[in-house]
C-alpha atoms as a PDB file:
ATOM      1  CA  MET A   1       0.425  19.352  14.482  1.00  0.00           C
ATOM      2  CA  ASP A   2       3.381  19.438  12.126  1.00  0.00           C
ATOM      3  CA  ALA A   3       6.051  16.728  12.175  1.00  0.00           C
ATOM      4  CA  ILE A   4       8.759  18.971  13.665  1.00  0.00           C
ATOM      5  CA  LYS A   5       6.535  20.052  16.560  1.00  0.00           C
ATOM      6  CA  LEU A   6       5.543  16.419  17.080  1.00  0.00           C
ATOM      7  CA  ALA A   7       9.219  15.409  17.253  1.00  0.00           C
ATOM      8  CA  SER A   8       9.937  18.199  19.742  1.00  0.00           C
ATOM      9  CA  THR A   9       6.995  17.065  21.851  1.00  0.00           C
ATOM     10  CA  TYR A  10       8.445  13.544  21.844  1.00  0.00           C
ATOM     11  CA  PHE A  11      11.802  14.864  23.104  1.00  0.00           C
ATOM     12  CA  PHE A  12      10.100  16.914  25.825  1.00  0.00           C
ATOM     13  CA  GLY A  13       8.028  13.912  26.874  1.00  0.00           C
ATOM     14  CA  THR A  14      10.942  11.496  27.140  1.00  0.00           C
ATOM     15  CA  GLU A  15      13.779  13.648  28.469  1.00  0.00           C
ATOM     16  CA  ASP A  16      12.986  13.046  32.153  1.00  0.00           C
ATOM     17  CA  TYR A  17      12.855   9.289  31.547  1.00  0.00           C
ATOM     18  CA  ILE A  18      16.109   9.019  29.602  1.00  0.00           C
ATOM     19  CA  LEU A  19      17.774  11.859  31.584  1.00  0.00           C
ATOM     20  CA  SER A  20      19.008  13.471  28.413  1.00  0.00           C
ATOM     21  CA  ASN A  21      17.980  16.158  25.954  1.00  0.00           C
ATOM     22  CA  SER A  22      21.166  17.283  24.245  1.00  0.00           C
ATOM     23  CA  MET A  23      23.108  16.506  21.113  1.00  0.00           C
ATOM     24  CA  ILE A  24      26.819  16.744  21.768  1.00  0.00           C
ATOM     25  CA  ALA A  25      29.948  17.143  19.703  1.00  0.00           C
ATOM     26  CA  THR A  26      33.510  16.848  20.974  1.00  0.00           C
ATOM     27  CA  VAL A  27      35.970  19.179  19.258  1.00  0.00           C
ATOM     28  CA  THR A  28      39.748  19.116  19.690  1.00  0.00           C
ATOM     29  CA  PHE A  29      41.659  22.130  18.408  1.00  0.00           C
ATOM     30  CA  LYS A  30      45.253  22.392  17.220  1.00  0.00           C
ATOM     31  CA  ARG A  31      45.825  25.515  19.297  1.00  0.00           C
ATOM     32  CA  ARG A  32      45.283  26.100  22.975  1.00  0.00           C
ATOM     33  CA  ILE A  33      41.927  27.576  23.930  1.00  0.00           C
ATOM     34  CA  ASP A  34      42.240  31.013  25.508  1.00  0.00           C
ATOM     35  CA  ALA A  35      40.269  30.345  28.677  1.00  0.00           C
ATOM     36  CA  GLU A  36      40.241  34.022  29.655  1.00  0.00           C
ATOM     37  CA  LYS A  37      38.281  34.938  26.524  1.00  0.00           C
ATOM     38  CA  LEU A  38      36.055  31.873  26.346  1.00  0.00           C
ATOM     39  CA  PHE A  39      33.174  33.206  28.460  1.00  0.00           C
ATOM     40  CA  PHE A  40      33.087  36.566  26.705  1.00  0.00           C
ATOM     41  CA  SER A  41      32.961  34.787  23.342  1.00  0.00           C
ATOM     42  CA  TYR A  42      30.241  32.448  24.591  1.00  0.00           C
ATOM     43  CA  ARG A  43      28.201  35.341  25.999  1.00  0.00           C
ATOM     44  CA  SER A  44      28.504  37.255  22.734  1.00  0.00           C
ATOM     45  CA  LEU A  45      27.427  34.200  20.749  1.00  0.00           C
ATOM     46  CA  ILE A  46      24.321  33.747  22.932  1.00  0.00           C
ATOM     47  CA  MET A  47      23.370  37.421  22.975  1.00  0.00           C
ATOM     48  CA  ASP A  48      23.857  37.841  19.207  1.00  0.00           C
ATOM     49  CA  ASN A  49      21.751  34.792  18.268  1.00  0.00           C
ATOM     50  CA  PRO A  50      18.085  34.775  19.316  1.00  0.00           C
ATOM     51  CA  LEU A  51      17.819  31.072  18.466  1.00  0.00           C
ATOM     52  CA  LEU A  52      20.310  30.335  21.250  1.00  0.00           C
ATOM     53  CA  GLN A  53      17.981  32.139  23.674  1.00  0.00           C
ATOM     54  CA  ALA A  54      15.024  29.894  22.838  1.00  0.00           C
ATOM     55  CA  LYS A  55      12.678  28.418  25.391  1.00  0.00           C
ATOM     56  CA  ARG A  56       9.516  26.367  25.226  1.00  0.00           C
ATOM     57  CA  VAL A  57       6.392  28.321  26.184  1.00  0.00           C
ATOM     58  CA  GLU A  58       3.335  26.239  27.035  1.00  0.00           C
ATOM     59  CA  GLN A  59      -0.063  27.284  25.683  1.00  0.00           C
ATOM     60  CA  PHE A  60      -2.276  25.174  27.915  1.00  0.00           C
ATOM     61  CA  GLU A  61      -5.536  26.607  26.562  1.00  0.00           C
ATOM     62  CA  LYS A  62      -4.577  25.368  23.085  1.00  0.00           C
ATOM     63  CA  ASP A  63      -2.858  22.184  24.323  1.00  0.00           C
ATOM     64  CA  THR A  64       0.358  23.133  22.512  1.00  0.00           C
ATOM     65  CA  PHE A  65       3.538  25.145  22.868  1.00  0.00           C
ATOM     66  CA  VAL A  66       5.398  27.850  20.975  1.00  0.00           C
ATOM     67  CA  TRP A  67       9.034  28.882  20.904  1.00  0.00           C
ATOM     68  CA  GLY A  68       9.770  32.043  22.863  1.00  0.00           C
ATOM     69  CA  ARG A  69      12.895  33.681  24.243  1.00  0.00           C
ATOM     70  CA  PHE A  70      14.288  33.886  27.736  1.00  0.00           C
ATOM     71  CA  SER A  71      13.894  37.289  29.368  1.00  0.00           C
ATOM     72  CA  GLN A  72      16.972  39.453  29.925  1.00  0.00           C
ATOM     73  CA  GLU A  73      16.876  38.544  33.629  1.00  0.00           C
ATOM     74  CA  GLU A  74      16.706  34.819  32.829  1.00  0.00           C
ATOM     75  CA  LEU A  75      19.553  35.162  30.320  1.00  0.00           C
ATOM     76  CA  GLU A  76      21.780  36.906  32.871  1.00  0.00           C
ATOM     77  CA  HIS A  77      21.022  34.202  35.460  1.00  0.00           C
ATOM     78  CA  PHE A  78      21.877  31.392  33.033  1.00  0.00           C
ATOM     79  CA  LEU A  79      24.970  33.179  31.724  1.00  0.00           C
ATOM     80  CA  GLU A  80      26.328  33.535  35.262  1.00  0.00           C
ATOM     81  CA  ALA A  81      25.892  29.786  35.786  1.00  0.00           C
ATOM     82  CA  GLU A  82      27.682  29.085  32.498  1.00  0.00           C
ATOM     83  CA  LYS A  83      30.499  31.459  33.461  1.00  0.00           C
ATOM     84  CA  VAL A  84      31.263  29.241  36.458  1.00  0.00           C
ATOM     85  CA  LYS A  85      31.175  26.092  34.318  1.00  0.00           C
ATOM     86  CA  LEU A  86      33.444  27.577  31.672  1.00  0.00           C
ATOM     87  CA  SER A  87      36.113  28.247  34.307  1.00  0.00           C
ATOM     88  CA  GLN A  88      36.682  24.555  35.039  1.00  0.00           C
ATOM     89  CA  TYR A  89      37.438  21.328  33.220  1.00  0.00           C
ATOM     90  CA  PHE A  90      35.042  18.399  32.963  1.00  0.00           C
ATOM     91  CA  THR A  91      35.458  14.784  31.973  1.00  0.00           C
ATOM     92  CA  GLU A  92      33.335  13.433  29.140  1.00  0.00           C
ATOM     93  CA  GLU A  93      31.544  11.237  31.665  1.00  0.00           C
ATOM     94  CA  GLU A  94      30.654  14.283  33.784  1.00  0.00           C
ATOM     95  CA  VAL A  95      29.242  16.075  30.747  1.00  0.00           C
ATOM     96  CA  LEU A  96      27.181  13.057  29.691  1.00  0.00           C
ATOM     97  CA  ALA A  97      25.809  12.692  33.226  1.00  0.00           C
ATOM     98  CA  GLN A  98      24.590  16.306  33.394  1.00  0.00           C
ATOM     99  CA  TYR A  99      20.882  16.584  32.724  1.00  0.00           C
ATOM    100  CA  ARG A 100      18.594  19.527  33.360  1.00  0.00           C
ATOM    101  CA  PRO A 101      15.107  19.754  31.836  1.00  0.00           C
ATOM    102  CA  THR A 102      14.461  22.010  28.859  1.00  0.00           C
ATOM    103  CA  ASN A 103      14.150  25.661  29.963  1.00  0.00           C
ATOM    104  CA  ALA A 104      16.235  24.975  33.104  1.00  0.00           C
ATOM    105  CA  ARG A 105      19.352  26.252  31.306  1.00  0.00           C
ATOM    106  CA  LEU A 106      20.386  27.735  27.988  1.00  0.00           C
ATOM    107  CA  PRO A 107      19.863  25.433  24.995  1.00  0.00           C
ATOM    108  CA  PHE A 108      23.510  25.754  23.835  1.00  0.00           C
ATOM    109  CA  ARG A 109      26.370  25.044  26.213  1.00  0.00           C
ATOM    110  CA  ILE A 110      30.128  24.500  26.122  1.00  0.00           C
ATOM    111  CA  TYR A 111      32.125  22.253  28.427  1.00  0.00           C
ATOM    112  CA  PRO A 112      35.928  22.619  28.499  1.00  0.00           C
ATOM    113  CA  ILE A 113      37.616  19.225  28.743  1.00  0.00           C
ATOM    114  CA  ASN A 114      41.244  20.387  28.658  1.00  0.00           C
ATOM    115  CA  GLU A 115      43.323  23.159  27.083  1.00  0.00           C
ATOM    116  CA  TYR A 116      42.557  21.892  23.570  1.00  0.00           C
ATOM    117  CA  THR A 117      39.201  20.111  23.771  1.00  0.00           C
ATOM    118  CA  MET A 118      35.611  21.241  24.338  1.00  0.00           C
ATOM    119  CA  ILE A 119      32.240  19.565  24.187  1.00  0.00           C
ATOM    120  CA  PHE A 120      29.433  21.517  22.535  1.00  0.00           C
ATOM    121  CA  ALA A 121      25.921  20.591  23.711  1.00  0.00           C
ATOM    122  CA  MET A 122      22.686  21.680  22.047  1.00  0.00           C
ATOM    123  CA  ASN A 123      19.180  20.910  23.284  1.00  0.00           C
ATOM    124  CA  HIS A 124      17.776  18.403  20.817  1.00  0.00           C
ATOM    125  CA  ALA A 125      14.203  19.722  20.776  1.00  0.00           C
ATOM    126  CA  VAL A 126      15.341  23.311  20.268  1.00  0.00           C
ATOM    127  CA  ALA A 127      17.711  22.249  17.497  1.00  0.00           C
ATOM    128  CA  ASN A 128      15.052  20.238  15.677  1.00  0.00           C
ATOM    129  CA  GLY A 129      12.173  22.508  16.532  1.00  0.00           C
ATOM    130  CA  LEU A 130      13.866  25.608  15.204  1.00  0.00           C
ATOM    131  CA  SER A 131      15.812  23.938  12.388  1.00  0.00           C
ATOM    132  CA  LEU A 132      19.060  24.915  14.071  1.00  0.00           C
ATOM    133  CA  VAL A 133      21.838  22.393  13.542  1.00  0.00           C
ATOM    134  CA  LEU A 134      25.021  22.381  15.566  1.00  0.00           C
ATOM    135  CA  ASP A 135      27.741  21.894  13.007  1.00  0.00           C
ATOM    136  CA  GLN A 136      31.112  23.201  11.950  1.00  0.00           C
ATOM    137  CA  GLU A 137      29.606  26.593  11.120  1.00  0.00           C
ATOM    138  CA  MET A 138      28.409  27.072  14.732  1.00  0.00           C
ATOM    139  CA  ALA A 139      31.802  26.013  16.063  1.00  0.00           C
ATOM    140  CA  GLY A 140      33.437  28.344  13.544  1.00  0.00           C
ATOM    141  CA  ILE A 141      31.417  31.313  14.786  1.00  0.00           C
ATOM    142  CA  LEU A 142      32.556  30.660  18.337  1.00  0.00           C
ATOM    143  CA  LEU A 143      36.156  30.145  17.279  1.00  0.00           C
ATOM    144  CA  ARG A 144      36.229  33.402  15.358  1.00  0.00           C
ATOM    145  CA  ARG A 145      34.965  35.189  18.455  1.00  0.00           C
ATOM    146  CA  THR A 146      37.521  33.518  20.709  1.00  0.00           C
ATOM    147  CA  ARG A 147      41.044  34.510  19.889  1.00  0.00           C
ATOM    148  CA  PHE A 148      43.183  31.437  20.282  1.00  0.00           C
ATOM    149  CA  ARG A 149      46.868  31.712  20.894  1.00  0.00           C
ATOM    150  CA  ALA A 150      49.534  29.219  19.975  1.00  0.00           C
ATOM    151  CA  GLY A 151      49.821  26.413  22.537  1.00  0.00           C
ATOM    152  CA  LYS A 152      52.378  26.637  25.284  1.00  0.00           C
END
């Protein structure tokens, strides 16, 4: 087993105990976030990036797992749940308290905090297991897709 798969297995094995499996980044923007366009930008980001559709697929006969993708039906179900979340504000404490096991939601999520601040959350095992790193480039992609307007 390679080191990356071993690390992912560690995250899968401990997430229920520590009630966490996400890396988070809080980003505050200079301009107001256009809430009306946020979901459509998020949906486009997910649908255009197969890595953000990743799920763990068990291979019990081989005592291992592989990375697969959620089905279209699963994606639509998860996107509808995210649409509801993107229409409301959360506190940082609420975001940190939210835990759902891997594969129970999309691996990349956004939580609006206020008109200028969002928290980006990425499943740690997916990020490490697929060499995907949430950084300024990922935030930049989302920002380019969301047209922000000057704050009022």
